[in-house]
Amino acid sequence: MGRTEHSNPAEPADPADPADRLGDEIVRAVIDGRPVRIVAVTTTAVAREAARRHQAGPAASIALARGLTAGLLLATLTKDDERVTLQVLGDGPLGGLTVDATAAGTARAYVKHPGVALAAASGARASLAAAVGRTGLVSVLRDVGLGETFSGRTSIASGEIDEDVERYLEASEQIVSAMACDATLAPDGTIAFAAGILIQALPGSDGAVRVAAARGLIADGEFLKALGGGPRDGAGVLGAVLGDQLGEIKILDRRPVRFDCPCSRARAGTSLALLGETELAAMILDDGRAEVTCNFCRAHYEFDEAALEIIRRETARPAGPPS
């Protein structure tokens, strides 16, 4: 594992931006007296940070925004300590999207090829089908704590990420759902605003009719049109998109959202240990150093010959208690 080159990320977004002042958040709600639950999330700062760290082009920036938003929406459906890994692995030039999100409101993501030179429309819903691809898989892994995990997958149908995740929810988890996740771009190609909404029928209920009505309010670019391009908080998204058309919205809770990557030098060292004693010994002889780069946040961890030798010795140590 030799040295890899990585240029410095772009400067962060201007904190004076109205969308930044509002702050990203998740809002969970229900329709009063109706068997429908709703989650709205704003992800402008999170999407900007992911795009900045990966030096993403317009298509990749929108893919990261939609993916982060969808992942956060998925992570709010069961237990409060749930972690969700969402992968959209298509045959397009982006090469796949991976999102890691938690019910606590933390999220991180990456695309395999963030610099793909594909144009994305400004101010309107951009099609990502050519970038993501129309053949591949949507995979979701839910870790609900205490070693309990659930997974499912469906095939990609449109390549628009939110549409494919909505299809996953209905086909794999069998929950009647309507989802929209989107972002707009500023003239300089950075994320201007990112948000999403998920409406679901409660299990065993007759809420499917209202979810179908909600789908008509958010599908085919109607979600972005309703938002009008302006920055809003989570409650503002609910009001602008749904109003009282499904009934009175009752907010249950709100929580902040932030970009977070738990990688560390210790974890990077653990990943090197997985290479095994033989490969570590060869690395010490050939290069005398190694560098590990986190896929999610692009942090670099360097290990010199002495550090590699310590890892090699730990790897070679017999397992179990001494005899």
Protein backbone atom coordinates (compact mmCIF):
# COMPACT_ATOMS: atom_id res chain seq x y z
CA MET A 1 0.00 0.00 0.00
CA GLY A 2 1.97 2.97 -1.28
CA ARG A 3 1.44 6.68 -1.15
CA THR A 4 -1.57 8.17 -2.90
CA GLU A 5 -1.80 11.77 -4.03
CA HIS A 6 -4.71 13.93 -2.93
CA SER A 7 -5.07 17.65 -3.47
CA ASN A 8 -6.50 19.98 -0.84
CA PRO A 9 -10.31 20.18 -0.73
CA ALA A 10 -12.08 23.35 -1.75
CA GLU A 11 -12.88 25.98 0.83
CA PRO A 12 -16.05 25.43 2.94
CA ALA A 13 -19.29 27.15 2.06
CA ASP A 14 -19.84 30.72 3.27
CA PRO A 15 -21.39 30.50 6.77
CA ALA A 16 -23.42 33.61 5.97
CA ASP A 17 -25.50 31.59 3.50
CA PRO A 18 -29.17 31.49 4.66
CA ALA A 19 -29.35 27.71 4.26
CA ASP A 20 -26.35 27.32 6.57
CA ARG A 21 -27.86 29.61 9.19
CA LEU A 22 -31.00 27.47 9.31
CA GLY A 23 -28.98 24.32 9.97
CA ASP A 24 -29.70 20.82 8.74
CA GLU A 25 -32.31 18.85 10.65
CA ILE A 26 -34.64 15.86 10.70
CA VAL A 27 -38.31 16.38 11.52
CA ARG A 28 -40.55 13.42 12.28
CA ALA A 29 -44.29 13.91 12.10
CA VAL A 30 -47.66 12.25 11.62
CA ILE A 31 -50.94 13.29 10.04
CA ASP A 32 -53.27 13.90 12.95
CA GLY A 33 -55.80 11.09 13.16
CA ARG A 34 -54.51 9.40 10.01
CA PRO A 35 -52.39 6.22 9.62
CA VAL A 36 -49.51 8.06 7.95
CA ARG A 37 -46.05 9.01 9.19
CA ILE A 38 -43.80 11.62 7.64
CA VAL A 39 -40.12 12.44 7.88
CA ALA A 40 -38.54 15.55 6.38
CA VAL A 41 -34.83 16.29 6.35
CA THR A 42 -32.67 19.20 5.22
CA THR A 43 -29.12 18.28 4.25
CA THR A 44 -27.57 21.34 2.62
CA ALA A 45 -24.51 21.62 4.86
CA VAL A 46 -23.98 17.86 5.03
CA ALA A 47 -24.14 17.52 1.24
CA ARG A 48 -21.81 20.48 0.76
CA GLU A 49 -19.29 18.99 3.16
CA ALA A 50 -19.33 15.61 1.43
CA ALA A 51 -18.97 17.26 -1.99
CA ARG A 52 -16.13 19.45 -0.71
CA ARG A 53 -14.19 16.55 0.75
CA HIS A 54 -14.50 14.56 -2.47
CA GLN A 55 -14.06 17.55 -4.81
CA ALA A 56 -17.23 16.37 -6.50
CA GLY A 57 -18.48 17.61 -9.84
CA PRO A 58 -22.12 18.66 -10.34
CA ALA A 59 -23.49 15.18 -11.05
CA ALA A 60 -21.63 13.63 -8.13
CA SER A 61 -22.66 16.50 -5.82
CA ILE A 62 -26.33 15.90 -6.55
CA ALA A 63 -25.86 12.14 -6.19
CA LEU A 64 -24.21 12.68 -2.79
CA ALA A 65 -27.02 15.03 -1.73
CA ARG A 66 -29.79 12.64 -2.76
CA GLY A 67 -27.99 9.67 -1.23
CA LEU A 68 -27.26 11.38 2.11
CA THR A 69 -30.85 12.57 2.31
CA ALA A 70 -32.27 9.13 1.50
CA GLY A 71 -29.95 7.47 4.02
CA LEU A 72 -31.00 9.82 6.81
CA LEU A 73 -34.67 9.26 5.99
CA LEU A 74 -34.15 5.48 6.11
CA ALA A 75 -32.36 5.70 9.46
CA THR A 76 -35.35 7.28 11.24
CA LEU A 77 -37.85 4.48 10.76
CA THR A 78 -37.14 2.08 13.63
CA LYS A 79 -35.00 2.39 16.77
CA ASP A 80 -33.27 5.58 17.90
CA ASP A 81 -29.82 3.95 17.74
CA GLU A 82 -30.21 2.56 14.22
CA ARG A 83 -27.42 2.82 11.64
CA VAL A 84 -28.17 2.39 7.94
CA THR A 85 -25.77 1.66 5.10
CA LEU A 86 -27.25 2.47 1.69
CA GLN A 87 -25.50 1.45 -1.51
CA VAL A 88 -26.59 2.28 -5.04
CA LEU A 89 -24.31 0.28 -7.30
CA GLY A 90 -25.09 1.07 -10.93
CA ASP A 91 -23.28 0.58 -14.22
CA GLY A 92 -22.90 4.33 -14.84
CA PRO A 93 -19.64 6.32 -14.71
CA LEU A 94 -20.14 7.38 -11.05
CA GLY A 95 -19.29 3.78 -10.20
CA GLY A 96 -21.54 3.48 -7.15
CA LEU A 97 -22.68 5.49 -4.14
CA THR A 98 -22.30 4.46 -0.49
CA VAL A 99 -24.02 6.25 2.41
CA ASP A 100 -23.67 5.66 6.14
CA ALA A 101 -26.37 7.37 8.25
CA THR A 102 -27.70 7.12 11.80
CA ALA A 103 -30.94 7.89 13.58
CA ALA A 104 -28.94 10.37 15.68
CA GLY A 105 -28.59 12.54 12.57
CA THR A 106 -25.01 11.81 11.52
CA ALA A 107 -24.18 10.95 7.94
CA ARG A 108 -21.28 10.45 5.53
CA ALA A 109 -21.07 9.30 1.92
CA TYR A 110 -18.87 8.81 -1.10
CA VAL A 111 -19.10 8.04 -4.80
CA LYS A 112 -16.42 5.97 -6.50
CA HIS A 113 -15.72 8.48 -9.29
CA PRO A 114 -16.68 11.98 -8.03
CA GLY A 115 -15.06 13.85 -10.91
CA VAL A 116 -17.22 12.41 -13.68
CA ALA A 117 -17.77 15.19 -16.24
CA LEU A 118 -21.53 15.07 -16.62
CA ALA A 119 -23.66 18.20 -16.76
CA ALA A 120 -26.47 18.69 -14.23
CA ALA A 121 -29.16 21.31 -14.67
CA SER A 122 -29.21 24.30 -12.31
CA GLY A 123 -32.43 25.23 -10.52
CA ALA A 124 -34.42 22.21 -11.68
CA ARG A 125 -34.53 18.48 -11.03
CA ALA A 126 -31.46 16.99 -12.70
CA SER A 127 -31.54 13.49 -14.12
CA LEU A 128 -28.82 11.24 -12.72
CA ALA A 129 -29.72 8.16 -14.76
CA ALA A 130 -26.77 8.58 -17.13
CA ALA A 131 -24.35 9.00 -14.21
CA VAL A 132 -25.70 6.29 -11.89
CA GLY A 133 -26.79 3.85 -14.57
CA ARG A 134 -29.99 1.91 -15.16
CA THR A 135 -28.62 -1.53 -14.32
CA GLY A 136 -27.44 -2.52 -10.86
CA LEU A 137 -28.57 -2.92 -7.27
CA VAL A 138 -29.93 -0.88 -4.38
CA SER A 139 -28.78 -2.44 -1.12
CA VAL A 140 -29.75 -1.46 2.44
CA LEU A 141 -28.20 -2.81 5.63
CA ARG A 142 -29.89 -1.88 8.90
CA ASP A 143 -27.95 -2.24 12.15
CA VAL A 144 -30.46 -1.79 14.96
CA GLY A 145 -27.97 -2.43 17.75
CA LEU A 146 -26.98 -5.41 19.90
CA GLY A 147 -25.60 -7.22 16.85
CA GLU A 148 -29.00 -7.35 15.16
CA THR A 149 -28.88 -6.54 11.44
CA PHE A 150 -31.32 -6.72 8.55
CA SER A 151 -30.55 -6.38 4.86
CA GLY A 152 -32.38 -6.24 1.59
CA ARG A 153 -31.82 -5.35 -2.03
CA THR A 154 -33.68 -4.56 -5.21
CA SER A 155 -32.61 -3.80 -8.75
CA ILE A 156 -32.11 -0.25 -9.98
CA ALA A 157 -35.10 0.89 -12.01
CA SER A 158 -34.47 4.55 -12.90
CA GLY A 159 -31.03 5.55 -11.61
CA GLU A 160 -32.49 8.61 -9.85
CA ILE A 161 -31.57 7.31 -6.34
CA ASP A 162 -34.67 8.56 -4.47
CA GLU A 163 -37.01 6.81 -6.90
CA ASP A 164 -35.00 3.61 -6.57
CA VAL A 165 -34.93 3.81 -2.75
CA GLU A 166 -38.71 4.34 -2.74
CA ARG A 167 -39.03 1.22 -4.88
CA TYR A 168 -36.76 -0.65 -2.46
CA LEU A 169 -39.00 0.26 0.50
CA GLU A 170 -42.09 -1.05 -1.24
CA ALA A 171 -40.55 -4.15 -2.84
CA SER A 172 -38.10 -5.29 -0.14
CA GLU A 173 -39.45 -3.88 3.14
CA GLN A 174 -43.07 -3.93 1.90
CA ILE A 175 -43.93 -0.48 3.22
CA VAL A 176 -46.15 1.73 1.06
CA SER A 177 -43.96 4.81 0.64
CA ALA A 178 -43.53 8.05 -1.26
CA MET A 179 -40.06 9.60 -1.25
CA ALA A 180 -38.40 12.61 -2.82
CA CYS A 181 -34.79 13.66 -2.22
CA ASP A 182 -33.28 16.46 -4.22
CA ALA A 183 -30.84 19.32 -4.42
CA THR A 184 -30.30 22.46 -6.44
CA LEU A 185 -26.97 23.83 -7.59
CA ALA A 186 -25.64 27.35 -7.25
CA PRO A 187 -24.12 29.01 -10.35
CA ASP A 188 -20.64 27.93 -9.19
CA GLY A 189 -21.71 24.26 -9.14
CA THR A 190 -21.93 23.90 -5.35
CA ILE A 191 -25.04 22.70 -3.50
CA ALA A 192 -27.48 25.58 -2.98
CA PHE A 193 -30.10 23.61 -1.08
CA ALA A 194 -30.76 19.93 -0.35
CA ALA A 195 -33.75 18.30 1.31
CA GLY A 196 -36.04 15.32 1.24
CA ILE A 197 -39.32 13.91 2.44
CA LEU A 198 -40.67 10.43 3.11
CA ILE A 199 -44.36 9.63 3.59
CA GLN A 200 -45.36 6.11 4.67
CA ALA A 201 -48.49 4.21 5.54
CA LEU A 202 -48.32 2.76 9.04
CA PRO A 203 -48.12 -1.07 9.07
CA GLY A 204 -51.48 -2.78 8.89
CA SER A 205 -53.32 0.44 8.08
CA ASP A 206 -55.30 1.83 5.17
CA GLY A 207 -52.92 4.78 4.74
CA ALA A 208 -51.92 3.71 1.22
CA VAL A 209 -54.51 6.03 -0.34
CA ARG A 210 -53.00 9.08 1.35
CA VAL A 211 -49.47 7.98 0.46
CA ALA A 212 -50.57 7.72 -3.17
CA ALA A 213 -51.95 11.26 -2.93
CA ALA A 214 -48.67 12.43 -1.42
CA ARG A 215 -46.71 10.84 -4.25
CA GLY A 216 -48.56 13.08 -6.66
CA LEU A 217 -47.36 16.12 -4.70
CA ILE A 218 -43.66 15.23 -4.77
CA ALA A 219 -42.96 13.11 -7.88
CA ASP A 220 -41.48 14.24 -11.20
CA GLY A 221 -39.85 17.38 -9.86
CA GLU A 222 -42.92 18.63 -7.97
CA PHE A 223 -40.97 18.45 -4.70
CA LEU A 224 -38.42 21.03 -5.86
CA LYS A 225 -41.11 23.20 -7.41
CA ALA A 226 -43.00 23.32 -4.11
CA LEU A 227 -39.86 24.39 -2.25
CA GLY A 228 -39.33 27.24 -4.68
CA GLY A 229 -35.55 27.07 -4.39
CA GLY A 230 -35.44 28.94 -1.09
CA PRO A 231 -33.76 27.67 2.10
CA ARG A 232 -36.15 26.18 4.65
CA ASP A 233 -35.96 24.22 7.87
CA GLY A 234 -37.56 20.79 8.19
CA ALA A 235 -40.94 22.12 9.27
CA GLY A 236 -40.80 24.60 6.40
CA VAL A 237 -40.29 21.73 3.97
CA LEU A 238 -43.38 19.96 5.34
CA GLY A 239 -45.48 23.09 5.09
CA ALA A 240 -44.35 24.04 1.60
CA VAL A 241 -44.72 20.58 0.11
CA LEU A 242 -47.76 19.16 1.89
CA GLY A 243 -49.57 22.09 3.50
CA ASP A 244 -52.83 20.67 4.83
CA GLN A 245 -53.57 18.59 1.74
CA LEU A 246 -53.19 15.29 3.61
CA GLY A 247 -54.54 16.60 6.91
CA GLU A 248 -53.11 18.44 9.89
CA ILE A 249 -49.39 17.76 10.38
CA LYS A 250 -48.35 17.01 13.97
CA ILE A 251 -44.60 17.26 14.58
CA LEU A 252 -43.25 14.60 16.97
CA ASP A 253 -39.58 15.56 17.23
CA ARG A 254 -36.74 17.48 15.60
CA ARG A 255 -33.04 16.72 15.71
CA PRO A 256 -29.96 18.27 14.10
CA VAL A 257 -28.08 16.68 11.22
CA ARG A 258 -24.33 16.82 10.69
CA PHE A 259 -21.55 15.29 8.65
CA ASP A 260 -19.60 12.85 10.83
CA CYS A 261 -16.95 10.25 10.09
CA PRO A 262 -15.74 8.05 12.98
CA CYS A 263 -12.53 7.03 11.22
CA SER A 264 -9.29 7.29 13.22
CA ARG A 265 -5.65 6.33 13.10
CA ALA A 266 -6.44 3.30 15.27
CA ARG A 267 -9.08 2.09 12.81
CA ALA A 268 -6.69 2.67 9.91
CA GLY A 269 -4.14 0.54 11.74
CA THR A 270 -6.74 -2.19 12.19
CA SER A 271 -7.40 -2.18 8.44
CA LEU A 272 -3.68 -2.65 7.80
CA ALA A 273 -3.57 -5.55 10.26
CA LEU A 274 -6.18 -7.32 8.16
CA LEU A 275 -3.59 -7.60 5.38
CA GLY A 276 -1.80 -10.25 7.45
CA GLU A 277 1.76 -10.71 8.66
CA THR A 278 3.22 -11.76 5.30
CA GLU A 279 1.92 -8.79 3.32
CA LEU A 280 2.86 -6.37 6.09
CA ALA A 281 6.42 -7.74 6.10
CA ALA A 282 6.62 -7.27 2.33
CA MET A 283 5.30 -3.73 2.67
CA ILE A 284 8.00 -2.90 5.24
CA LEU A 285 10.74 -4.25 2.93
CA ASP A 286 9.42 -2.71 -0.29
CA ASP A 287 8.13 0.71 0.78
CA GLY A 288 8.95 1.17 4.43
CA ARG A 289 5.73 3.10 4.86
CA ALA A 290 2.00 3.04 4.12
CA GLU A 291 -0.86 5.48 3.86
CA VAL A 292 -4.50 4.74 4.47
CA THR A 293 -7.16 7.08 3.08
CA CYS A 294 -10.73 6.99 4.40
CA ASN A 295 -13.20 6.53 1.54
CA PHE A 296 -15.84 8.62 3.31
CA CYS A 297 -13.97 11.72 4.54
CA ARG A 298 -10.66 11.48 2.64
CA ALA A 299 -8.62 11.75 5.85
CA HIS A 300 -5.06 10.41 5.47
CA TYR A 301 -3.23 8.30 8.03
CA GLU A 302 0.47 7.69 7.48
CA PHE A 303 2.43 4.80 8.99
CA ASP A 304 6.22 4.71 8.92
CA GLU A 305 8.37 1.59 9.08
CA ALA A 306 8.38 1.50 12.88
CA ALA A 307 4.58 1.78 13.08
CA LEU A 308 4.16 -0.96 10.48
CA GLU A 309 6.53 -3.23 12.40
CA ILE A 310 4.43 -2.79 15.55
CA ILE A 311 1.28 -3.74 13.61
CA ARG A 312 3.07 -6.73 12.07
CA ARG A 313 4.18 -7.99 15.47
CA GLU A 314 0.67 -7.60 16.89
CA THR A 315 -0.70 -9.52 13.90
CA ALA A 316 1.82 -12.32 14.40
CA ARG A 317 1.07 -12.67 18.12
CA PRO A 318 -0.77 -15.94 18.86
CA ALA A 319 -4.43 -15.55 19.73
CA GLY A 320 -5.82 -16.48 23.15
CA PRO A 321 -4.37 -16.38 26.65
CA PRO A 322 -0.71 -17.34 27.17
CA SER A 323 -0.10 -20.97 28.15
